[in-house]
Amino acid sequence: MNQEIRRKLDRITNILWAGGVANPVTYIEQISYLIFLKLLDEEENARELQTRLMGASENGRGASLYPRQAKRYRWSEWRFKSGNELRDFIRDDVFRYMANLVKEEPRVAEYFRDAVLEITDPNVLKEVVDEIDTIDFGKLGTDAKGDIFEYLLSHLGQAALNGQFRTPRQIRVMMVQMVDPDLGDSILDPACGTGGFLIDAVEYILARYSEHPIEVPIYGEDWLEKQGKTLAEARAANPNLQTYRKGPGEKLPDWGILENSVYGYDVSRQLMRIGMMNLILHGIRNAHVKRANTLSDIGGLSDEDLRRRYKVILSNPPFAGVLPKDSMRSDLPTNSKKSELLFLGVMMQSLAPGGRCAVVVPEGLLFGSTSAHVELRQKLIAEFEVQALISLPAGVFKPYAGVKTGVLLFQRPIAGKKKADKVWFYEIRNDGFDPDKISSGGRPETPDRNDIPALLAEWTRYRETNFVKPPGPEGGSLLPAGSPEPRCWWVKHEALAANDYNLAAGRYKPQVTEKVSDEDPADLIEKTLGIERDIMKGLEKLLEDVRKS
């Protein structure tokens, strides 16, 4: 993203902050409304141009979004207004018109349903409109538009709202690479928030279908510029540098298949809108994103939503929370009221045969001793193929939370295919960021200390064996003295069953035996007695001095 656009975005956020719209989630939502209105106007311009060049019957772009009398709702028609007239027109007329496009543009209508303009100062609103008007989104590539929103979302690193926060990129990238989504896979995040997992899955697929994908450090392309290094130079200096791939996806055979494969739900309409705009600016206009509580029978999911099964599920659902019994979904494999168990149940229920799931879970879910915890883990082991449990460092979600978490990866077996009888564990100690320091709302980068690239290399080797030969020693074993401390190990299902299906990685970590001293025991005893004699002599001398004083 070029410096001029970054300066524009900084001016917009500063204007809103000074104007009293200080919550990052709120001002990102408000900016999203205005960007969407500008994008729709640019699309209308493109539609009109094609109509003139090719004829209405040939352009295939559909009917105008602003026919006849509705033309006055276009950005280009009202952007010159000012004062109360501008504010009232956007708030009372433009938003209402957009929300009523249920038949013509259902996703636009869903986006603006119940929308509220919270920029109440007309002068502040006018300044923001003028700044956004100077950005020609049509001339920006998908990457550049996506970077705009990613830059805005970076402001969420300075605040959490009711426990809602973004999963760090290094963890999202790791999880996406491990489930390996492909074109045609239906992809779900049942608690999608700002859409980070969905965006990363889309980018992963686009890179796969690109002629010349590029590698980007998890810290972003700007980080390389600040370092003054090429990627090769940065990697030479930091062999553990974690990267991911990006590309335009020009070899993608059908963009519509990709768009229609993306599904996301969130209980917060505010976050749902932000997630939808994130996808739109990344080129995914027709994703199935809507407000819904996936845990509840009355949460807004249709019968079709409940019946749908997905090939890929990626999520970091909220850990805290208890759902009332009378509103819980009755089709889940648990009757617990705890949200972390219910979300895991949703993913187990929603996974298609052969489908893969990667989900962040609190460690309490992995070793909890209540009957609900044990029964759900037992069902997971018995009915699914649990491929891996990745232990994450305690500081991975700082500054929001210090809770210890892990990433659970499992697959729904295909009928007739033999399941693996082992679970693989991997312990990540460093994730590329300082675990103890907080700077500018986040943790400082430590590119030289990151275990994730090594994990992904081991995972690739494991997957190549069809998950039959997990790397590392067997869990609970004793390793010879002098062995390096293990990073990964595996455990048979029988051992898990004997431990109430405890899935905490540390429970089974192999231990390195201490080296037995080759010194003669008699010499050790003689040395110890010599030390004791010296102590006695010192005490006798001290006693003598005390008596003389």
Protein backbone atom coordinates (compact mmCIF):
# COMPACT_ATOMS: atom_id res chain seq x y z
CA MET A 1 0.00 0.00 0.00
CA ASN A 2 1.52 3.32 -1.03
CA GLN A 3 2.29 6.07 1.45
CA GLU A 4 -0.32 8.45 0.03
CA ILE A 5 -3.22 6.06 0.71
CA ARG A 6 -1.82 5.31 4.16
CA ARG A 7 -1.76 9.04 4.90
CA LYS A 8 -5.37 9.34 3.72
CA LEU A 9 -6.46 6.50 6.02
CA ASP A 10 -4.58 8.03 8.93
CA ARG A 11 -6.30 11.36 8.29
CA ILE A 12 -9.70 9.67 8.23
CA THR A 13 -9.15 7.82 11.50
CA ASN A 14 -7.71 10.94 13.14
CA ILE A 15 -10.72 13.00 12.00
CA LEU A 16 -13.11 10.42 13.47
CA TRP A 17 -11.13 10.14 16.68
CA ALA A 18 -11.15 13.89 17.17
CA GLY A 19 -14.85 13.92 16.30
CA GLY A 20 -15.73 11.56 19.15
CA VAL A 21 -15.87 8.25 17.26
CA ALA A 22 -13.03 6.75 19.28
CA ASN A 23 -13.81 3.01 19.47
CA PRO A 24 -11.79 1.31 16.68
CA VAL A 25 -14.54 -1.25 16.00
CA THR A 26 -17.09 1.56 15.60
CA TYR A 27 -15.03 3.80 13.35
CA ILE A 28 -13.97 0.87 11.15
CA GLU A 29 -17.66 0.00 10.77
CA GLN A 30 -18.52 3.61 9.89
CA ILE A 31 -15.68 3.83 7.35
CA SER A 32 -16.93 0.51 5.90
CA TYR A 33 -20.36 1.99 5.23
CA LEU A 34 -18.89 4.88 3.28
CA ILE A 35 -16.36 2.77 1.39
CA PHE A 36 -19.16 0.41 0.36
CA LEU A 37 -21.26 3.32 -0.94
CA LYS A 38 -18.27 4.60 -2.93
CA LEU A 39 -17.60 1.11 -4.34
CA LEU A 40 -21.23 0.72 -5.43
CA ASP A 41 -21.07 4.05 -7.23
CA GLU A 42 -17.88 3.02 -9.04
CA GLU A 43 -19.50 -0.26 -10.05
CA GLU A 44 -22.48 1.68 -11.40
CA ASN A 45 -20.09 3.80 -13.48
CA ALA A 46 -18.51 0.64 -14.89
CA ARG A 47 -21.96 -0.81 -15.64
CA GLU A 48 -23.02 2.36 -17.48
CA LEU A 49 -19.79 2.38 -19.51
CA GLN A 50 -20.29 -1.22 -20.62
CA THR A 51 -23.90 -0.46 -21.50
CA ARG A 52 -22.79 2.36 -23.78
CA LEU A 53 -20.03 0.29 -25.38
CA MET A 54 -21.78 -3.07 -25.73
CA GLY A 55 -25.49 -2.46 -25.35
CA ALA A 56 -27.66 -3.33 -22.41
CA SER A 57 -28.54 -6.73 -23.78
CA GLU A 58 -24.90 -7.77 -24.15
CA ASN A 59 -23.09 -6.54 -21.10
CA GLY A 60 -24.38 -9.22 -18.72
CA ARG A 61 -23.93 -6.93 -15.76
CA GLY A 62 -27.58 -6.86 -14.68
CA ALA A 63 -29.97 -4.00 -14.00
CA SER A 64 -28.90 -0.67 -12.61
CA LEU A 65 -28.64 -0.41 -8.85
CA TYR A 66 -29.95 3.16 -9.04
CA PRO A 67 -32.75 3.27 -11.62
CA ARG A 68 -34.33 6.60 -12.52
CA GLN A 69 -35.53 8.35 -9.37
CA ALA A 70 -33.09 6.33 -7.22
CA LYS A 71 -30.16 8.04 -8.91
CA ARG A 72 -30.09 10.59 -6.10
CA TYR A 73 -28.83 7.88 -3.69
CA ARG A 74 -25.56 7.46 -5.59
CA TRP A 75 -22.36 8.64 -3.94
CA SER A 76 -21.54 10.87 -6.91
CA GLU A 77 -24.90 12.63 -6.56
CA TRP A 78 -24.81 13.49 -2.85
CA ARG A 79 -21.07 13.78 -2.10
CA PHE A 80 -21.24 17.55 -2.72
CA LYS A 81 -23.80 18.10 0.03
CA SER A 82 -22.63 19.41 3.40
CA GLY A 83 -23.80 20.21 6.91
CA ASN A 84 -26.97 18.73 8.36
CA GLU A 85 -28.29 18.11 4.85
CA LEU A 86 -25.47 15.64 4.13
CA ARG A 87 -25.74 13.86 7.48
CA ASP A 88 -29.52 13.56 7.41
CA PHE A 89 -29.61 12.41 3.77
CA ILE A 90 -27.09 9.60 4.34
CA ARG A 91 -28.65 8.57 7.65
CA ASP A 92 -32.33 8.75 6.72
CA ASP A 93 -32.42 8.19 2.96
CA VAL A 94 -29.31 6.45 1.61
CA PHE A 95 -29.10 3.82 4.37
CA ARG A 96 -32.84 3.13 4.11
CA TYR A 97 -32.66 2.72 0.33
CA MET A 98 -29.76 0.27 0.58
CA ALA A 99 -31.49 -1.79 3.28
CA ASN A 100 -34.57 -2.15 1.05
CA LEU A 101 -32.69 -3.73 -1.91
CA VAL A 102 -33.72 -7.17 -0.67
CA LYS A 103 -34.71 -8.52 -4.12
CA GLU A 104 -32.23 -6.59 -6.28
CA GLU A 105 -29.09 -6.91 -4.10
CA PRO A 106 -29.79 -9.13 -1.06
CA ARG A 107 -26.23 -8.95 0.25
CA VAL A 108 -26.22 -5.14 0.08
CA ALA A 109 -29.56 -5.12 1.89
CA GLU A 110 -28.22 -7.47 4.58
CA TYR A 111 -25.17 -5.27 5.01
CA PHE A 112 -27.22 -2.11 5.59
CA ARG A 113 -30.02 -3.74 7.61
CA ASP A 114 -30.22 -1.93 10.98
CA ALA A 115 -27.25 0.23 9.96
CA VAL A 116 -26.82 3.36 12.07
CA LEU A 117 -24.74 6.39 11.11
CA GLU A 118 -22.79 7.20 14.26
CA ILE A 119 -20.83 10.11 12.79
CA THR A 120 -23.23 12.71 14.13
CA ASP A 121 -21.08 15.81 13.61
CA PRO A 122 -21.83 17.06 10.05
CA ASN A 123 -18.41 18.68 9.69
CA VAL A 124 -16.60 15.47 10.66
CA LEU A 125 -18.76 13.47 8.23
CA LYS A 126 -18.04 15.91 5.40
CA GLU A 127 -14.28 15.66 5.96
CA VAL A 128 -14.41 11.85 5.92
CA VAL A 129 -16.56 11.78 2.75
CA ASP A 130 -14.16 14.17 1.02
CA GLU A 131 -11.13 12.02 1.93
CA ILE A 132 -12.75 8.77 0.76
CA ASP A 133 -13.86 10.51 -2.44
CA THR A 134 -10.22 11.05 -3.40
CA ILE A 135 -9.56 7.26 -3.43
CA ASP A 136 -10.32 5.65 -6.80
CA PHE A 137 -10.92 2.06 -5.75
CA GLY A 138 -11.52 1.00 -9.34
CA LYS A 139 -7.89 1.74 -10.20
CA LEU A 140 -6.58 -0.27 -7.26
CA GLY A 141 -5.85 -3.97 -7.57
CA THR A 142 -7.44 -6.50 -5.21
CA ASP A 143 -4.25 -6.67 -3.16
CA ALA A 144 -4.17 -2.89 -2.70
CA LYS A 145 -7.84 -2.75 -1.67
CA GLY A 146 -7.30 -5.64 0.73
CA ASP A 147 -4.27 -3.86 2.20
CA ILE A 148 -6.45 -0.80 2.89
CA PHE A 149 -8.76 -2.80 5.10
CA GLU A 150 -5.97 -4.81 6.72
CA TYR A 151 -4.38 -1.48 7.66
CA LEU A 152 -7.64 -0.29 9.22
CA LEU A 153 -8.01 -3.59 11.08
CA SER A 154 -4.54 -3.17 12.55
CA HIS A 155 -6.14 -0.50 14.74
CA LEU A 156 -8.02 -3.29 16.49
CA GLY A 157 -4.66 -4.34 17.91
CA GLN A 158 -5.06 -1.47 20.34
CA ALA A 159 -8.44 -2.50 21.72
CA ALA A 160 -10.59 -5.52 22.40
CA LEU A 161 -14.36 -5.38 22.62
CA ASN A 162 -16.11 -7.82 24.96
CA GLY A 163 -13.33 -10.36 24.42
CA GLN A 164 -13.49 -10.02 20.63
CA PHE A 165 -10.11 -9.71 18.96
CA ARG A 166 -8.25 -10.83 15.90
CA THR A 167 -6.32 -14.07 15.83
CA PRO A 168 -2.64 -13.22 15.13
CA ARG A 169 -1.65 -13.67 11.49
CA GLN A 170 1.13 -16.15 12.27
CA ILE A 171 -1.39 -18.52 13.87
CA ARG A 172 -4.01 -18.05 11.13
CA VAL A 173 -1.45 -18.68 8.38
CA MET A 174 -0.22 -21.81 10.18
CA MET A 175 -3.74 -23.22 10.56
CA VAL A 176 -4.68 -22.51 6.93
CA GLN A 177 -1.53 -24.20 5.64
CA MET A 178 -2.22 -27.25 7.79
CA VAL A 179 -5.80 -27.79 6.53
CA ASP A 180 -4.69 -27.04 2.94
CA PRO A 181 -7.94 -25.68 1.37
CA ASP A 182 -8.45 -25.96 -2.39
CA LEU A 183 -10.88 -24.58 -4.95
CA GLY A 184 -14.25 -26.26 -4.52
CA ASP A 185 -13.87 -26.78 -0.78
CA SER A 186 -16.67 -25.14 1.17
CA ILE A 187 -15.03 -23.06 3.93
CA LEU A 188 -16.69 -22.10 7.21
CA ASP A 189 -15.85 -19.94 10.20
CA PRO A 190 -18.81 -20.16 12.63
CA ALA A 191 -17.48 -17.20 14.66
CA CYS A 192 -15.86 -15.22 11.85
CA GLY A 193 -15.40 -11.80 13.48
CA THR A 194 -13.48 -9.60 11.05
CA GLY A 195 -13.05 -12.47 8.57
CA GLY A 196 -9.33 -13.12 9.04
CA PHE A 197 -9.48 -16.91 8.59
CA LEU A 198 -11.72 -16.61 5.52
CA ILE A 199 -9.40 -14.04 3.92
CA ASP A 200 -6.31 -16.17 4.60
CA ALA A 201 -7.99 -19.28 3.15
CA VAL A 202 -8.94 -17.33 0.01
CA GLU A 203 -5.40 -15.95 -0.36
CA TYR A 204 -3.98 -19.46 0.07
CA ILE A 205 -6.17 -20.77 -2.77
CA LEU A 206 -5.39 -17.77 -5.00
CA ALA A 207 -1.64 -18.32 -4.50
CA ARG A 208 -2.09 -21.98 -5.50
CA TYR A 209 -3.69 -20.84 -8.77
CA SER A 210 -1.14 -18.10 -9.55
CA GLU A 211 1.59 -18.34 -12.16
CA HIS A 212 4.12 -16.48 -10.04
CA PRO A 213 3.03 -16.24 -6.38
CA ILE A 214 5.18 -14.14 -4.07
CA GLU A 215 6.29 -14.91 -0.53
CA VAL A 216 5.47 -12.37 2.16
CA PRO A 217 6.77 -12.30 5.76
CA ILE A 218 4.05 -12.65 8.38
CA TYR A 219 5.02 -9.12 9.48
CA GLY A 220 3.94 -7.73 6.09
CA GLU A 221 5.68 -6.28 3.06
CA ASP A 222 6.17 -2.95 4.85
CA TRP A 223 8.37 -4.75 7.38
CA LEU A 224 10.78 -5.76 4.62
CA GLU A 225 10.94 -2.17 3.40
CA LYS A 226 11.77 -0.94 6.91
CA GLN A 227 14.48 -3.61 7.17
CA GLY A 228 15.93 -2.44 3.87
CA LYS A 229 16.32 -6.07 2.79
CA THR A 230 15.03 -8.44 0.16
CA LEU A 231 13.17 -11.52 1.33
CA ALA A 232 16.23 -13.67 0.58
CA GLU A 233 18.43 -11.38 2.71
CA ALA A 234 15.89 -11.34 5.56
CA ARG A 235 15.67 -15.14 5.47
CA ALA A 236 19.46 -15.49 5.44
CA ALA A 237 19.60 -13.33 8.56
CA ASN A 238 16.65 -15.14 10.18
CA PRO A 239 16.37 -18.79 9.02
CA ASN A 240 13.18 -19.18 11.12
CA LEU A 241 11.40 -16.32 9.31
CA GLN A 242 7.77 -17.34 8.72
CA THR A 243 6.20 -16.45 5.37
CA TYR A 244 3.04 -17.05 3.40
CA ARG A 245 2.26 -16.90 -0.31
CA LYS A 246 0.13 -14.38 -2.21
CA GLY A 247 -0.92 -14.20 -5.82
CA PRO A 248 -3.65 -12.86 -8.15
CA GLY A 249 -5.10 -16.30 -8.91
CA GLU A 250 -5.09 -15.75 -12.67
CA LYS A 251 -5.17 -19.54 -13.27
CA LEU A 252 -8.37 -19.90 -11.26
CA PRO A 253 -10.88 -21.59 -13.63
CA ASP A 254 -14.01 -20.10 -12.02
CA TRP A 255 -14.01 -17.15 -9.61
CA GLY A 256 -17.68 -17.78 -8.80
CA ILE A 257 -16.88 -21.20 -7.34
CA LEU A 258 -14.43 -19.57 -4.94
CA GLU A 259 -16.80 -16.79 -3.91
CA ASN A 260 -19.71 -19.15 -3.31
CA SER A 261 -17.62 -21.49 -1.18
CA VAL A 262 -17.01 -18.97 1.62
CA TYR A 263 -19.30 -19.00 4.68
CA GLY A 264 -19.03 -16.97 7.86
CA TYR A 265 -21.34 -16.25 10.79
CA ASP A 266 -20.97 -13.94 13.75
CA VAL A 267 -23.35 -13.00 16.53
CA SER A 268 -22.28 -9.34 16.30
CA ARG A 269 -23.82 -7.44 13.39
CA GLN A 270 -21.05 -4.86 13.76
CA LEU A 271 -18.31 -7.45 13.27
CA MET A 272 -20.30 -9.20 10.56
CA ARG A 273 -20.32 -5.97 8.53
CA ILE A 274 -16.59 -5.47 9.05
CA GLY A 275 -15.90 -9.08 8.01
CA MET A 276 -18.08 -8.72 4.91
CA MET A 277 -16.33 -5.50 3.86
CA ASN A 278 -12.96 -7.17 4.42
CA LEU A 279 -13.97 -9.91 1.98
CA ILE A 280 -15.40 -7.42 -0.54
CA LEU A 281 -12.17 -5.43 -0.61
CA HIS A 282 -10.25 -8.69 -1.08
CA GLY A 283 -12.37 -9.38 -4.18
CA ILE A 284 -14.90 -11.76 -2.58
CA ARG A 285 -18.18 -9.94 -3.19
CA ASN A 286 -20.61 -12.86 -2.92
CA ALA A 287 -19.46 -14.69 0.20
CA HIS A 288 -22.18 -16.11 2.44
CA VAL A 289 -21.57 -13.94 5.51
CA LYS A 290 -24.40 -13.09 7.85
CA ARG A 291 -25.28 -12.34 11.43
CA ALA A 292 -26.18 -15.53 13.29
CA ASN A 293 -25.58 -17.32 16.56
CA THR A 294 -24.42 -20.76 15.45
CA LEU A 295 -24.97 -22.20 18.95
CA SER A 296 -28.67 -21.42 19.17
CA ASP A 297 -31.83 -22.96 17.72
CA ILE A 298 -33.15 -19.42 17.35
CA GLY A 299 -29.87 -17.83 16.32
CA GLY A 300 -30.77 -16.93 12.74
CA LEU A 301 -29.55 -20.03 10.88
CA SER A 302 -31.92 -21.39 8.22
CA ASP A 303 -32.72 -25.08 7.81
CA GLU A 304 -30.42 -25.06 4.79
CA ASP A 305 -27.61 -23.58 6.91
CA LEU A 306 -28.09 -26.29 9.54
CA ARG A 307 -28.03 -29.09 6.94
CA ARG A 308 -24.96 -27.81 5.08
CA ARG A 309 -21.68 -29.66 5.62
CA TYR A 310 -18.25 -28.11 5.00
CA LYS A 311 -14.94 -29.41 3.72
CA VAL A 312 -12.84 -26.90 5.67
CA ILE A 313 -13.55 -25.26 9.02
CA LEU A 314 -11.20 -22.66 10.51
CA SER A 315 -12.05 -20.76 13.67
CA ASN A 316 -11.03 -19.17 16.94
CA PRO A 317 -14.39 -19.01 18.72
CA PRO A 318 -14.94 -17.10 21.98
CA PHE A 319 -13.90 -19.14 25.01
CA ALA A 320 -16.02 -17.51 27.69
CA GLY A 321 -19.76 -17.63 27.92
CA VAL A 322 -22.65 -19.84 28.97
CA LEU A 323 -25.74 -20.38 26.82
CA PRO A 324 -29.20 -20.84 28.35
CA LYS A 325 -30.40 -24.43 28.04
CA ASP A 326 -33.67 -23.46 26.35
CA SER A 327 -31.91 -21.76 23.40
CA MET A 328 -29.16 -24.33 22.74
CA ARG A 329 -29.15 -26.28 19.49
CA SER A 330 -30.52 -29.75 20.02
CA ASP A 331 -28.52 -31.40 17.21
CA LEU A 332 -25.06 -30.94 18.78
CA PRO A 333 -22.99 -33.80 20.26
CA THR A 334 -22.97 -32.17 23.70
CA ASN A 335 -25.56 -30.74 26.07
CA SER A 336 -23.05 -28.58 27.92
CA LYS A 337 -23.84 -24.90 28.39
CA LYS A 338 -20.19 -23.85 27.98
CA SER A 339 -19.60 -21.99 24.71
CA GLU A 340 -16.17 -23.56 24.01
CA LEU A 341 -17.68 -27.07 24.12
CA LEU A 342 -20.71 -26.00 22.08
CA PHE A 343 -18.53 -24.41 19.37
CA LEU A 344 -16.46 -27.59 19.12
CA GLY A 345 -19.74 -29.50 18.87
CA VAL A 346 -20.89 -27.20 16.04
CA MET A 347 -17.70 -27.94 14.09
CA MET A 348 -17.96 -31.70 14.67
CA GLN A 349 -21.58 -31.57 13.47
CA SER A 350 -20.83 -29.34 10.44
CA LEU A 351 -17.86 -31.22 8.99
CA ALA A 352 -18.40 -33.16 5.75
CA PRO A 353 -16.87 -36.63 5.23
CA GLY A 354 -13.21 -36.07 4.49
CA GLY A 355 -13.50 -32.49 5.79
CA ARG A 356 -10.72 -30.92 7.86
CA CYS A 357 -11.03 -28.63 10.87
CA ALA A 358 -8.46 -26.47 12.67
CA VAL A 359 -9.75 -24.65 15.75
CA VAL A 360 -8.14 -22.70 18.59
CA VAL A 361 -9.27 -24.12 21.94
CA PRO A 362 -8.50 -23.22 25.57
CA GLU A 363 -6.39 -25.81 27.38
CA GLY A 364 -9.23 -26.32 29.84
CA LEU A 365 -11.23 -27.96 27.07
CA LEU A 366 -8.37 -30.43 26.50
CA PHE A 367 -8.03 -31.67 30.07
CA GLY A 368 -11.27 -30.63 31.83
CA SER A 369 -12.56 -33.43 34.06
CA THR A 370 -16.32 -32.73 33.98
CA SER A 371 -18.47 -35.38 32.33
CA ALA A 372 -19.28 -32.96 29.48
CA HIS A 373 -15.58 -32.41 28.73
CA VAL A 374 -14.68 -36.12 28.86
CA GLU A 375 -17.69 -37.26 26.81
CA LEU A 376 -17.06 -34.73 24.02
CA ARG A 377 -13.36 -35.65 23.80
CA GLN A 378 -14.33 -39.35 23.74
CA LYS A 379 -16.71 -38.72 20.83
CA LEU A 380 -14.01 -36.74 19.07
CA ILE A 381 -11.52 -39.61 19.32
CA ALA A 382 -14.08 -42.33 18.53
CA GLU A 383 -15.93 -40.71 15.64
CA PHE A 384 -13.29 -38.45 14.07
CA GLU A 385 -9.64 -38.67 13.15
CA VAL A 386 -7.78 -36.34 15.51
CA GLN A 387 -4.59 -35.66 13.61
CA ALA A 388 -2.76 -33.16 15.79
CA LEU A 389 -2.81 -30.96 18.85
CA ILE A 390 -0.51 -27.95 18.64
CA SER A 391 0.35 -26.41 22.02
CA LEU A 392 0.64 -22.60 21.74
CA PRO A 393 2.68 -20.32 24.01
CA ALA A 394 0.75 -18.62 26.80
CA GLY A 395 1.47 -15.12 25.47
CA VAL A 396 0.20 -15.66 21.93
CA PHE A 397 -2.96 -13.56 22.49
CA LYS A 398 -1.40 -10.76 24.51
CA PRO A 399 -2.31 -8.00 25.18
CA TYR A 400 -5.90 -9.32 25.18
CA ALA A 401 -5.47 -12.49 27.21
CA GLY A 402 -2.78 -14.73 28.69
CA VAL A 403 -4.87 -17.90 28.64
CA LYS A 404 -3.01 -21.03 27.50
CA THR A 405 -4.43 -22.38 24.25
CA GLY A 406 -3.86 -25.02 21.61
CA VAL A 407 -4.87 -25.72 18.02
CA LEU A 408 -6.90 -28.88 17.51
CA LEU A 409 -6.85 -30.45 14.04
CA PHE A 410 -9.27 -33.22 13.14
CA GLN A 411 -10.98 -34.78 10.14
CA ARG A 412 -14.29 -36.56 9.64
CA PRO A 413 -13.41 -40.02 8.29
CA ILE A 414 -14.59 -41.22 4.91
CA ALA A 415 -16.69 -44.37 5.18
CA GLY A 416 -14.60 -47.50 4.68
CA LYS A 417 -11.27 -45.72 5.14
CA LYS A 418 -9.11 -46.83 8.06
CA LYS A 419 -8.55 -44.20 10.74
CA ALA A 420 -5.18 -43.40 12.26
CA ASP A 421 -4.86 -44.71 15.82
CA LYS A 422 -2.45 -42.05 17.08
CA VAL A 423 -2.60 -38.35 17.93
CA TRP A 424 0.41 -36.15 17.18
CA PHE A 425 1.44 -33.39 19.59
CA TYR A 426 3.71 -30.42 18.86
CA GLU A 427 4.88 -27.80 21.36
CA ILE A 428 5.41 -24.27 20.02
CA ARG A 429 7.50 -22.20 22.42
CA ASN A 430 8.11 -19.19 20.17
CA ASP A 431 5.76 -17.80 17.53
CA GLY A 432 7.83 -14.99 16.03
CA PHE A 433 6.81 -12.33 18.57
CA ASP A 434 8.16 -11.47 22.02
CA PRO A 435 6.07 -13.35 24.62
CA ASP A 436 6.64 -10.81 27.40
CA LYS A 437 6.80 -7.31 25.91
CA ILE A 438 3.92 -5.17 24.66
CA SER A 439 4.66 -2.27 22.32
CA SER A 440 2.14 -0.06 20.47
CA GLY A 441 -0.71 -2.38 21.34
CA GLY A 442 1.08 -5.56 20.23
CA ARG A 443 4.12 -7.74 20.76
CA PRO A 444 7.44 -6.81 19.09
CA GLU A 445 8.65 -9.05 16.25
CA THR A 446 11.28 -11.73 16.94
CA PRO A 447 11.84 -13.24 13.46
CA ASP A 448 14.81 -15.26 14.72
CA ARG A 449 12.64 -17.05 17.30
CA ASN A 450 9.75 -18.85 15.61
CA ASP A 451 8.99 -22.58 15.84
CA ILE A 452 6.13 -22.50 13.31
CA PRO A 453 8.23 -23.07 10.12
CA ALA A 454 9.76 -26.18 11.74
CA LEU A 455 6.27 -27.37 12.75
CA LEU A 456 4.99 -26.96 9.18
CA ALA A 457 7.95 -28.90 7.79
CA GLU A 458 7.24 -31.79 10.18
CA TRP A 459 3.51 -31.62 9.39
CA THR A 460 4.25 -31.91 5.65
CA ARG A 461 6.32 -35.04 6.26
CA TYR A 462 3.59 -36.46 8.50
CA ARG A 463 0.88 -35.78 5.92
CA GLU A 464 2.96 -37.49 3.22
CA THR A 465 2.70 -40.73 5.24
CA ASN A 466 -1.12 -40.34 5.16
CA PHE A 467 -0.94 -39.64 8.90
CA VAL A 468 0.38 -43.12 9.64
CA LYS A 469 3.91 -42.30 10.85
CA PRO A 470 3.89 -39.28 13.18
CA PRO A 471 7.28 -37.62 13.78
CA GLY A 472 8.96 -37.78 17.17
CA PRO A 473 9.08 -40.33 20.00
CA GLU A 474 6.11 -41.96 21.68
CA GLY A 475 4.51 -39.87 24.40
CA GLY A 476 5.46 -40.70 27.97
CA SER A 477 8.72 -42.37 26.96
CA LEU A 478 12.11 -41.77 28.60
CA LEU A 479 14.78 -40.42 26.27
CA PRO A 480 18.51 -41.11 26.70
CA ALA A 481 20.51 -38.58 28.68
CA GLY A 482 21.82 -35.81 26.46
CA SER A 483 18.91 -36.03 24.01
CA PRO A 484 17.51 -32.66 22.89
CA GLU A 485 14.24 -31.70 24.53
CA PRO A 486 11.52 -33.00 22.18
CA ARG A 487 9.24 -30.62 20.30
CA CYS A 488 6.83 -33.30 19.09
CA TRP A 489 5.58 -36.71 20.15
CA TRP A 490 2.64 -39.07 19.54
CA VAL A 491 0.21 -41.00 21.69
CA LYS A 492 -1.90 -44.09 20.94
CA HIS A 493 -5.66 -43.95 21.45
CA GLU A 494 -5.46 -46.57 24.22
CA ALA A 495 -3.20 -44.29 26.27
CA LEU A 496 -5.61 -41.40 25.74
CA ALA A 497 -8.57 -43.54 26.86
CA ALA A 498 -6.68 -44.55 30.00
CA ASN A 499 -6.31 -40.84 30.84
CA ASP A 500 -9.95 -39.73 30.37
CA TYR A 501 -9.07 -38.71 26.79
CA ASN A 502 -6.86 -35.93 28.12
CA LEU A 503 -5.48 -34.05 25.11
CA ALA A 504 -3.14 -31.64 26.91
CA ALA A 505 0.24 -31.92 25.20
CA GLY A 506 2.26 -31.62 28.42
CA ARG A 507 0.53 -34.68 29.92
CA TYR A 508 2.42 -36.98 27.54
CA LYS A 509 5.65 -35.11 26.91
CA PRO A 510 8.65 -37.49 26.85
CA GLN A 511 11.26 -36.85 29.53
CA VAL A 512 15.02 -36.75 29.05
CA THR A 513 16.79 -38.85 31.71
CA GLU A 514 19.56 -37.26 33.71
CA LYS A 515 23.08 -38.38 33.02
CA VAL A 516 24.39 -40.79 35.66
CA SER A 517 27.63 -39.57 37.20
CA ASP A 518 30.63 -41.80 36.47
CA GLU A 519 32.44 -40.57 39.62
CA ASP A 520 33.32 -43.19 42.29
CA PRO A 521 30.67 -43.09 45.08
CA ALA A 522 33.40 -43.40 47.71
CA ASP A 523 35.04 -40.24 46.36
CA LEU A 524 31.70 -38.39 46.48
CA ILE A 525 31.18 -39.45 50.11
CA GLU A 526 34.71 -38.38 51.02
CA LYS A 527 34.17 -34.95 49.42
CA THR A 528 30.88 -34.51 51.26
CA LEU A 529 32.49 -35.41 54.60
CA GLY A 530 35.30 -32.94 53.89
CA ILE A 531 32.73 -30.17 53.31
CA GLU A 532 30.95 -31.14 56.55
CA ARG A 533 34.26 -31.05 58.52
CA ASP A 534 35.03 -27.57 57.16
CA ILE A 535 31.56 -26.41 58.24
CA MET A 536 32.07 -27.86 61.75
CA LYS A 537 35.46 -26.17 62.09
CA GLY A 538 33.94 -22.86 61.07
CA LEU A 539 31.11 -23.20 63.59
CA GLU A 540 33.54 -24.15 66.41
CA LYS A 541 35.68 -21.10 65.61
CA LEU A 542 32.59 -18.87 65.58
CA LEU A 543 31.47 -20.30 68.97
CA GLU A 544 34.90 -19.66 70.47
CA ASP A 545 34.87 -16.05 69.27
CA VAL A 546 31.38 -15.51 70.71
CA ARG A 547 32.48 -16.82 74.15
CA LYS A 548 35.49 -14.49 74.21
CA SER A 549 33.42 -11.40 73.36
